[in-house]
Amino acid sequence: MKKVSLILAICLLTAASVFAQEEQQVVLKKVSNYEVPKEVIDAVKRDFPASVVDQVKILPADGIEGWKVTDVKNNLTDNDVVNYYAIEFYGDGVSGEVLYNDKGEMVLYKKVINDEALPPSIRNYIGTNYEGWAFIKDKEVIKKTPNSKTDVYSVTIKNGSQKKTLHFNAMGKLMEK
């Protein structure tokens, strides 16, 4: 029985290491704004007009399918075809990351908006269910991929020494933890 257990454990470890090796990692390379195509710069100005570009990184053309991004090395070679530009931006209470292809078409993004006016449904819910609680801070996180878009409001409230963070969907409905 011990021999069978040992063989099973070895097989599982081998399968796990093979599976881990199949995971693709994409390396981003930081570049200057001067190395970014005009179409991408124009798209950022159009999509996020009040924002400032903080960083631009490039991704290889094959790095978008099932990717896990590592950001520790700048080892792209001249032979790598670069088709994607990851851009970090910030502005008046807004920060985020956006990925464009080399034609300036948005592929995905994440935008965080801090301390903006909350929708009435959220204010009403908190006023009704948390009477006497004060708003401390809030943020809206918007994520968009080719297949989906999510919009989540996180609101931190306080009553004396008690603090709570509540999460609401785009329709203003309280979400489960």
Protein backbone atom coordinates (compact mmCIF):
# COMPACT_ATOMS: atom_id res chain seq x y z
CA MET A 1 0.00 0.00 0.00
CA LYS A 2 2.85 2.38 0.83
CA LYS A 3 4.43 1.61 -2.55
CA VAL A 4 1.18 2.46 -4.40
CA SER A 5 0.84 5.71 -2.42
CA LEU A 6 4.42 6.67 -3.23
CA ILE A 7 3.94 5.95 -6.95
CA LEU A 8 0.68 7.96 -6.94
CA ALA A 9 2.41 10.90 -5.22
CA ILE A 10 5.25 10.86 -7.78
CA CYS A 11 2.75 10.78 -10.66
CA LEU A 12 0.82 13.73 -9.20
CA LEU A 13 4.00 15.77 -8.71
CA THR A 14 5.11 15.02 -12.26
CA ALA A 15 1.72 16.01 -13.68
CA ALA A 16 1.72 19.22 -11.62
CA SER A 17 5.17 20.22 -12.87
CA VAL A 18 4.20 19.54 -16.50
CA PHE A 19 1.03 21.61 -16.05
CA ALA A 20 3.01 24.46 -14.45
CA GLN A 21 5.42 24.49 -17.38
CA GLU A 22 2.53 24.97 -19.83
CA GLU A 23 1.54 28.26 -18.19
CA GLN A 24 2.63 31.06 -20.47
CA GLN A 25 4.37 34.06 -18.97
CA VAL A 26 4.57 37.34 -20.79
CA VAL A 27 7.36 39.76 -20.17
CA LEU A 28 6.61 43.47 -20.34
CA LYS A 29 9.26 45.95 -21.38
CA LYS A 30 9.08 49.56 -20.26
CA VAL A 31 9.44 52.03 -23.13
CA SER A 32 9.26 55.79 -23.58
CA ASN A 33 6.20 57.51 -25.02
CA TYR A 34 8.25 58.23 -28.16
CA GLU A 35 8.33 54.51 -28.96
CA VAL A 36 4.54 54.23 -28.99
CA PRO A 37 2.61 54.47 -32.28
CA LYS A 38 0.63 57.67 -32.86
CA GLU A 39 -2.60 55.63 -33.04
CA VAL A 40 -2.08 54.42 -29.46
CA ILE A 41 -1.23 57.90 -28.12
CA ASP A 42 -4.30 59.34 -29.88
CA ALA A 43 -6.48 56.57 -28.41
CA VAL A 44 -5.30 57.31 -24.86
CA LYS A 45 -6.03 61.01 -25.33
CA ARG A 46 -9.48 60.16 -26.72
CA ASP A 47 -10.42 57.53 -24.10
CA PHE A 48 -8.89 59.17 -21.02
CA PRO A 49 -8.61 62.88 -21.91
CA ALA A 50 -8.02 64.20 -18.39
CA SER A 51 -5.37 61.62 -17.51
CA VAL A 52 -1.60 61.67 -17.56
CA VAL A 53 0.34 58.68 -18.90
CA ASP A 54 2.57 57.34 -16.12
CA GLN A 55 4.22 54.35 -17.83
CA VAL A 56 4.11 52.51 -21.12
CA LYS A 57 5.13 48.89 -21.50
CA ILE A 58 5.12 46.71 -24.58
CA LEU A 59 3.96 43.13 -24.96
CA PRO A 60 4.88 40.66 -27.67
CA ALA A 61 2.25 39.81 -30.27
CA ASP A 62 1.74 36.29 -28.91
CA GLY A 63 1.44 37.48 -25.33
CA ILE A 64 -2.24 38.15 -25.07
CA GLU A 65 -3.84 34.68 -25.17
CA GLY A 66 -4.10 33.11 -21.71
CA TRP A 67 -1.37 35.32 -20.37
CA LYS A 68 0.11 35.72 -16.96
CA VAL A 69 2.16 38.88 -16.87
CA THR A 70 5.54 39.04 -15.21
CA ASP A 71 7.09 42.42 -14.92
CA VAL A 72 10.55 41.63 -13.62
CA LYS A 73 12.67 41.51 -16.76
CA ASN A 74 13.11 43.65 -19.82
CA ASN A 75 14.33 40.87 -22.08
CA LEU A 76 12.27 41.29 -25.23
CA THR A 77 14.49 40.95 -28.26
CA ASP A 78 14.49 42.85 -31.55
CA ASN A 79 12.94 39.74 -33.13
CA ASP A 80 9.83 39.92 -30.94
CA VAL A 81 6.83 41.41 -32.75
CA VAL A 82 5.23 44.00 -30.50
CA ASN A 83 1.51 44.43 -30.98
CA TYR A 84 0.29 45.51 -27.54
CA TYR A 85 0.91 48.52 -25.34
CA ALA A 86 0.12 48.43 -21.61
CA ILE A 87 -0.37 51.96 -20.33
CA GLU A 88 -0.69 53.11 -16.72
CA PHE A 89 -2.39 56.46 -16.20
CA TYR A 90 -3.59 58.77 -13.48
CA GLY A 91 -5.55 61.96 -13.17
CA ASP A 92 -7.91 63.87 -10.92
CA GLY A 93 -9.00 61.07 -8.57
CA VAL A 94 -8.57 58.48 -11.33
CA SER A 95 -5.93 55.85 -11.98
CA GLY A 96 -5.85 52.81 -14.17
CA GLU A 97 -4.28 50.51 -16.68
CA VAL A 98 -5.27 50.00 -20.29
CA LEU A 99 -4.10 47.65 -23.01
CA TYR A 100 -4.19 48.75 -26.65
CA ASN A 101 -3.17 46.94 -29.80
CA ASP A 102 -0.79 48.69 -32.19
CA LYS A 103 -3.74 50.16 -34.12
CA GLY A 104 -4.97 52.06 -31.05
CA GLU A 105 -7.90 49.71 -30.38
CA MET A 106 -8.61 49.14 -26.70
CA VAL A 107 -8.32 45.49 -25.70
CA LEU A 108 -9.00 45.75 -21.97
CA TYR A 109 -8.78 48.21 -19.13
CA LYS A 110 -9.14 48.75 -15.41
CA LYS A 111 -10.00 52.20 -14.11
CA VAL A 112 -10.26 53.21 -10.44
CA ILE A 113 -12.14 56.38 -9.51
CA ASN A 114 -11.72 57.57 -5.93
CA ASP A 115 -14.18 59.63 -3.89
CA GLU A 116 -16.68 60.49 -6.59
CA ALA A 117 -20.39 61.13 -6.14
CA LEU A 118 -22.10 57.81 -5.47
CA PRO A 119 -25.26 56.83 -7.33
CA PRO A 120 -28.46 57.70 -5.42
CA SER A 121 -29.36 54.02 -4.97
CA ILE A 122 -26.15 53.42 -3.00
CA ARG A 123 -26.53 56.58 -0.90
CA ASN A 124 -30.16 55.64 -0.16
CA TYR A 125 -29.25 52.07 0.81
CA ILE A 126 -26.58 53.22 3.24
CA GLY A 127 -28.79 56.00 4.65
CA THR A 128 -31.63 53.53 5.26
CA ASN A 129 -29.62 50.54 6.51
CA TYR A 130 -26.75 52.30 8.27
CA GLU A 131 -28.35 55.32 9.89
CA GLY A 132 -25.78 57.29 11.90
CA TRP A 133 -22.83 55.92 9.90
CA ALA A 134 -20.49 58.36 8.13
CA PHE A 135 -18.93 57.95 4.70
CA ILE A 136 -15.13 57.64 4.98
CA LYS A 137 -14.13 56.91 1.39
CA ASP A 138 -15.37 55.28 -1.75
CA LYS A 139 -14.01 54.04 -5.03
CA GLU A 140 -15.42 52.73 -8.24
CA VAL A 141 -13.49 50.01 -10.09
CA ILE A 142 -14.40 49.48 -13.73
CA LYS A 143 -12.92 46.53 -15.61
CA LYS A 144 -13.51 45.80 -19.26
CA THR A 145 -12.33 42.84 -21.30
CA PRO A 146 -13.41 41.77 -24.78
CA ASN A 147 -16.10 39.55 -23.24
CA SER A 148 -17.27 41.44 -20.18
CA LYS A 149 -17.48 44.66 -18.22
CA THR A 150 -17.77 44.95 -14.46
CA ASP A 151 -18.37 48.02 -12.37
CA VAL A 152 -18.03 47.73 -8.58
CA TYR A 153 -18.42 50.46 -5.97
CA SER A 154 -16.59 49.96 -2.66
CA VAL A 155 -17.75 52.26 0.12
CA THR A 156 -16.12 52.48 3.54
CA ILE A 157 -18.36 53.76 6.33
CA LYS A 158 -17.74 54.37 10.02
CA ASN A 159 -19.81 54.61 13.19
CA GLY A 160 -17.68 55.40 16.24
CA SER A 161 -14.86 52.84 16.27
CA GLN A 162 -16.70 50.47 13.90
CA LYS A 163 -15.72 50.44 10.22
CA LYS A 164 -17.29 48.54 7.33
CA THR A 165 -16.62 48.30 3.63
CA LEU A 166 -19.64 47.58 1.47
CA HIS A 167 -19.52 46.53 -2.19
CA PHE A 168 -22.22 47.37 -4.73
CA ASN A 169 -22.68 46.43 -8.38
CA ALA A 170 -23.27 48.97 -11.16
CA MET A 171 -27.02 48.88 -10.48
CA GLY A 172 -26.43 49.91 -6.86
CA LYS A 173 -27.30 46.50 -5.41
CA LEU A 174 -25.33 45.28 -2.39
CA MET A 175 -23.03 42.39 -3.34
CA GLU A 176 -22.26 39.41 -1.14
CA LYS A 177 -18.78 39.25 0.30
